[in-house]
Amino acid sequence: MKYTRIAWIALISLAWACSPKPAEEVTEEVAEVILPDNSLSEDEKSAGWMLLFDGVNTDGWRAFNGDSLPANWTVEDGALKGLGHEGGDVGGDIVFAPMPFEQFEMEFTWKIATGGNSGVFYHVVEDPKYAAPYYTGPEYQVIDQLGFPQPLEDWQSLAADYAMYVPDFEGVVKPAGEWNVSKIIFTNEKAEYYLNGRKTVEFVPYSEDWKTKRNSGKWDAFPDYAISKSGLIALQDHGSEVWFKNIKIRTL
C-alpha cells in the first residue's frame, strides 16, 4: 500500500506520541529542619555539642566569684536575659561554672538593647583578686554597633577580640533588638570569631603578633589577662539589657 506524504507524517507523529518518553528529572525539595530554640540535633549530639542553657533553667550559671545567679539575670521567652541593673565594668557578670573549657567551638544567639554593651568571655579564672571576668578572659565583643551613644574605637567594635584584634563586620551588622548568631572557634593554633555567618577575626593565640598586642599597654593593669589557656565561659552585665539563647559548645 502506498501512502501519501501527509499520511507518512501522520504515522510518524502518532508513533512519537505513543513511544516511551525519558523519565522526567525529579527535583526533590528537602525541607529544612528548623530546631526549636535551645535544642540540639542528633548530629550535633553525636558531634559532642552540649547546651549551656535549655531555655528554662539556669542550672550551671552563677555570679562570677559567687555561689548563685544574681538578681540582674533572669529568663525571658526562652532567653537568658541580663537586666543591666549593675552597669559599669565590675559587678553582675555570670559564669557557666560546671566545667572549664580549653580548645572549643561555641555558638550563641543574642540581641541587645539600643545603645547597649555586653560581651562573651572564655578562659575566665575566678579568684577574689579578680573583680571581673575581663581581668583574665578574652572577650568576644557584643555591642550596639549602630546605636552606641559614644564613638567606638575599632578595637571596641562588634565581634572584635576586644582590645586585641579589630573585626571585619562589613554587611552583617543588625540594628539593636534583632537577633544575631555568633561563633567562636578557639584552638592553640588558630582562633576565629564569626558574626551572622561572616568571619570577623582570625588570629594565632600566643604568637609573636598576639604577644605584641597583649603587651601594647591596654592590659598593663591586668597582668593575668589571657594567661590561662583554660577557664570558664562568662556573660557580661554592662548596664544594658541583653539576651542570649542557643548557647552551645563542644570541645576540640
Protein backbone atom coordinates (compact mmCIF):
# COMPACT_ATOMS: atom_id res chain seq x y z
CA MET A 1 0.00 0.00 0.00
CA LYS A 2 1.29 3.39 -0.89
CA TYR A 3 0.98 6.29 1.48
CA THR A 4 0.86 9.88 0.58
CA ARG A 5 3.37 12.29 2.14
CA ILE A 6 0.69 13.56 4.52
CA ALA A 7 -0.14 10.02 5.67
CA TRP A 8 3.55 9.29 6.42
CA ILE A 9 3.81 12.43 8.51
CA ALA A 10 0.69 11.46 10.44
CA LEU A 11 2.07 7.96 11.15
CA ILE A 12 5.41 9.30 12.35
CA SER A 13 3.69 11.81 14.63
CA LEU A 14 1.47 9.10 16.10
CA ALA A 15 4.44 6.79 16.72
CA TRP A 16 6.34 9.57 18.51
CA ALA A 17 3.35 10.41 20.67
CA CYS A 18 2.92 6.76 21.71
CA SER A 19 6.60 5.94 22.27
CA PRO A 20 8.02 5.82 25.82
CA LYS A 21 9.41 9.14 26.98
CA PRO A 22 12.52 9.59 29.08
CA ALA A 23 11.72 9.84 32.73
CA GLU A 24 11.42 13.44 33.72
CA GLU A 25 14.06 14.66 36.14
CA VAL A 26 12.50 14.87 39.55
CA THR A 27 13.81 17.54 41.87
CA GLU A 28 13.05 16.76 45.47
CA GLU A 29 12.84 19.70 47.77
CA VAL A 30 14.46 18.80 51.04
CA ALA A 31 12.64 20.63 53.77
CA GLU A 32 14.98 22.49 56.09
CA VAL A 33 14.71 21.16 59.59
CA ILE A 34 14.39 24.07 61.98
CA LEU A 35 15.17 23.05 65.51
CA PRO A 36 13.39 24.65 68.45
CA ASP A 37 15.49 27.18 70.30
CA ASN A 38 17.87 25.80 72.91
CA SER A 39 17.95 22.30 71.49
CA LEU A 40 20.44 20.07 69.69
CA SER A 41 20.01 17.84 66.67
CA GLU A 42 21.02 14.20 66.85
CA ASP A 43 24.01 15.00 64.61
CA GLU A 44 25.10 17.77 66.97
CA LYS A 45 24.82 15.46 69.95
CA SER A 46 26.91 12.85 68.13
CA ALA A 47 29.50 15.53 67.35
CA GLY A 48 29.89 16.35 71.04
CA TRP A 49 27.86 19.55 71.32
CA MET A 50 26.32 20.43 74.68
CA LEU A 51 23.85 23.13 75.67
CA LEU A 52 24.84 25.66 78.30
CA PHE A 53 21.22 26.84 78.66
CA ASP A 54 18.00 24.97 77.95
CA GLY A 55 15.70 27.98 77.70
CA VAL A 56 14.08 27.41 81.08
CA ASN A 57 16.57 26.54 83.79
CA THR A 58 19.67 28.48 84.75
CA ASP A 59 21.42 25.40 86.10
CA GLY A 60 25.18 25.80 85.98
CA TRP A 61 25.10 29.61 85.84
CA ARG A 62 26.04 31.76 88.82
CA ALA A 63 27.66 35.07 89.63
CA PHE A 64 31.34 35.47 88.89
CA ASN A 65 33.10 34.69 92.18
CA GLY A 66 29.66 33.94 93.63
CA ASP A 67 27.52 30.98 94.56
CA SER A 68 24.13 31.75 92.94
CA LEU A 69 22.58 33.53 89.99
CA PRO A 70 22.38 37.26 90.74
CA ALA A 71 19.08 39.15 90.57
CA ASN A 72 20.15 41.05 87.47
CA TRP A 73 19.83 37.90 85.32
CA THR A 74 16.55 36.16 84.53
CA VAL A 75 14.84 34.01 81.89
CA GLU A 76 12.54 35.67 79.36
CA ASP A 77 10.85 33.92 76.44
CA GLY A 78 13.47 31.19 76.27
CA ALA A 79 16.44 33.55 76.57
CA LEU A 80 18.87 34.22 79.37
CA LYS A 81 18.40 37.94 79.93
CA GLY A 82 20.73 40.41 81.60
CA LEU A 83 18.72 43.27 83.05
CA GLY A 84 21.60 45.73 83.10
CA HIS A 85 20.99 46.75 86.70
CA GLU A 86 24.62 46.57 87.77
CA GLY A 87 26.25 48.52 84.99
CA GLY A 88 29.85 49.57 84.73
CA ASP A 89 32.81 47.29 84.21
CA VAL A 90 32.54 45.42 87.51
CA GLY A 91 29.63 43.51 89.02
CA GLY A 92 26.76 41.48 87.66
CA ASP A 93 28.67 39.17 85.30
CA ILE A 94 27.86 35.45 85.34
CA VAL A 95 29.82 32.29 84.57
CA PHE A 96 28.95 28.77 83.50
CA ALA A 97 30.55 27.06 86.46
CA PRO A 98 30.38 23.27 86.00
CA MET A 99 33.50 22.99 83.89
CA PRO A 100 36.31 24.93 82.23
CA PHE A 101 37.00 24.84 78.50
CA GLU A 102 40.33 24.99 76.71
CA GLN A 103 40.02 24.38 72.96
CA PHE A 104 36.43 24.62 71.80
CA GLU A 105 33.81 25.69 69.29
CA MET A 106 30.99 27.78 70.70
CA GLU A 107 27.83 29.25 69.16
CA PHE A 108 25.30 31.62 70.68
CA THR A 109 22.35 33.73 69.56
CA TRP A 110 21.97 37.19 71.07
CA LYS A 111 20.35 40.60 70.86
CA ILE A 112 20.96 43.81 72.74
CA ALA A 113 19.02 46.92 73.70
CA THR A 114 19.60 50.26 71.96
CA GLY A 115 22.95 51.72 72.94
CA GLY A 116 23.83 48.53 74.80
CA ASN A 117 27.15 46.90 75.55
CA SER A 118 27.97 43.36 76.69
CA GLY A 119 30.38 40.55 75.90
CA VAL A 120 31.12 36.84 76.00
CA PHE A 121 34.33 35.74 77.74
CA TYR A 122 36.27 32.50 77.76
CA HIS A 123 39.27 31.15 79.73
CA VAL A 124 37.95 33.10 82.71
CA VAL A 125 39.66 32.43 86.04
CA GLU A 126 37.83 33.01 89.32
CA ASP A 127 39.68 34.40 92.33
CA PRO A 128 38.88 37.14 94.85
CA LYS A 129 41.77 39.15 93.43
CA TYR A 130 39.93 39.43 90.11
CA ALA A 131 37.00 41.84 90.16
CA ALA A 132 35.54 40.79 86.80
CA PRO A 133 35.96 38.18 84.06
CA TYR A 134 37.86 40.58 81.80
CA TYR A 135 40.78 40.56 84.23
CA THR A 136 41.69 37.14 82.85
CA GLY A 137 39.41 36.17 79.94
CA PRO A 138 39.49 37.25 76.28
CA GLU A 139 36.23 38.82 75.10
CA TYR A 140 34.02 38.49 72.04
CA GLN A 141 32.58 42.00 71.95
CA VAL A 142 28.77 42.32 71.94
CA ILE A 143 27.59 45.89 71.40
CA ASP A 144 25.04 48.03 69.56
CA GLN A 145 27.43 48.98 66.78
CA LEU A 146 24.90 51.26 65.05
CA GLY A 147 23.42 52.99 68.06
CA PHE A 148 26.10 53.18 70.72
CA PRO A 149 25.99 56.71 72.17
CA GLN A 150 29.76 57.31 72.05
CA PRO A 151 32.17 56.86 69.15
CA LEU A 152 33.71 53.39 69.12
CA GLU A 153 37.37 52.65 68.55
CA ASP A 154 37.89 49.87 66.01
CA TRP A 155 39.11 47.52 68.76
CA GLN A 156 35.89 48.18 70.71
CA SER A 157 33.65 47.25 67.80
CA LEU A 158 31.18 44.42 67.43
CA ALA A 159 32.64 40.91 67.11
CA ALA A 160 36.16 42.13 67.92
CA ASP A 161 38.59 40.22 70.08
CA TYR A 162 38.23 43.13 72.47
CA ALA A 163 41.27 45.41 72.63
CA MET A 164 43.29 42.87 70.66
CA TYR A 165 42.05 42.20 67.12
CA VAL A 166 39.90 44.54 65.00
CA PRO A 167 36.81 42.96 63.40
CA ASP A 168 35.60 42.92 59.81
CA PHE A 169 31.81 43.02 60.12
CA GLU A 170 31.02 44.57 56.72
CA GLY A 171 27.47 43.78 55.64
CA VAL A 172 26.35 41.72 58.65
CA VAL A 173 25.62 44.27 61.39
CA LYS A 174 21.99 44.33 62.55
CA PRO A 175 20.18 47.07 64.49
CA ALA A 176 19.66 46.75 68.23
CA GLY A 177 16.79 44.46 69.13
CA GLU A 178 17.40 41.98 66.29
CA TRP A 179 18.81 38.50 66.84
CA ASN A 180 22.37 37.71 65.81
CA VAL A 181 24.25 34.42 65.59
CA SER A 182 27.86 34.40 66.73
CA LYS A 183 30.56 31.77 66.87
CA ILE A 184 33.96 31.39 68.49
CA ILE A 185 36.41 28.70 67.42
CA PHE A 186 39.48 28.56 69.63
CA THR A 187 42.46 26.26 69.39
CA ASN A 188 46.05 26.89 70.36
CA GLU A 189 46.91 27.02 66.65
CA LYS A 190 44.17 29.38 65.46
CA ALA A 191 41.19 31.36 66.74
CA GLU A 192 38.25 32.62 64.69
CA TYR A 193 35.24 34.78 65.53
CA TYR A 194 32.08 34.89 63.39
CA LEU A 195 29.03 37.15 63.21
CA ASN A 196 25.93 36.15 61.23
CA GLY A 197 28.00 33.83 59.05
CA ARG A 198 30.90 36.20 58.41
CA LYS A 199 34.37 35.65 59.85
CA THR A 200 35.21 38.87 61.66
CA VAL A 201 38.50 37.99 63.34
CA GLU A 202 41.26 35.42 62.88
CA PHE A 203 44.47 35.21 64.88
CA VAL A 204 47.07 32.83 66.22
CA PRO A 205 46.92 32.72 70.02
CA TYR A 206 50.20 33.19 71.87
CA SER A 207 52.05 34.08 68.64
CA GLU A 208 54.52 36.96 68.44
CA ASP A 209 51.80 39.17 66.93
CA TRP A 210 49.43 38.20 69.73
CA LYS A 211 52.09 38.93 72.37
CA THR A 212 52.76 42.35 70.81
CA LYS A 213 49.09 43.26 71.07
CA ARG A 214 48.85 41.72 74.54
CA ASN A 215 51.75 43.89 75.73
CA SER A 216 50.82 47.10 73.90
CA GLY A 217 49.61 48.90 77.03
CA LYS A 218 45.87 48.18 77.21
CA TRP A 219 46.38 45.25 79.55
CA ASP A 220 49.21 46.67 81.67
CA ALA A 221 46.87 46.94 84.66
CA PHE A 222 45.73 43.34 84.17
CA PRO A 223 48.87 41.20 84.28
CA ASP A 224 46.92 37.91 84.21
CA TYR A 225 44.85 38.76 81.13
CA ALA A 226 44.78 35.81 78.69
CA ILE A 227 47.49 33.95 80.55
CA SER A 228 45.36 30.93 81.38
CA LYS A 229 44.77 28.57 78.45
CA SER A 230 41.68 27.12 80.09
CA GLY A 231 38.79 28.61 82.03
CA LEU A 232 35.09 29.36 82.35
CA ILE A 233 32.62 30.89 79.90
CA ALA A 234 31.17 34.22 81.14
CA LEU A 235 28.44 36.66 80.08
CA GLN A 236 28.76 40.35 80.87
CA ASP A 237 26.36 42.78 82.51
CA HIS A 238 27.50 46.18 81.29
CA GLY A 239 24.48 48.26 82.25
CA SER A 240 22.09 47.44 79.40
CA GLU A 241 19.57 44.75 78.62
CA VAL A 242 20.97 41.81 76.67
CA TRP A 243 19.54 38.42 75.71
CA PHE A 244 21.29 35.10 74.98
CA LYS A 245 19.90 31.79 73.74
CA ASN A 246 21.04 28.72 71.79
CA ILE A 247 24.28 28.74 73.77
CA LYS A 248 26.11 25.57 72.81
CA ILE A 249 29.70 24.38 72.89
CA ARG A 250 31.87 21.40 72.07
CA THR A 251 35.46 20.67 72.93
CA LEU A 252 38.06 20.38 70.17
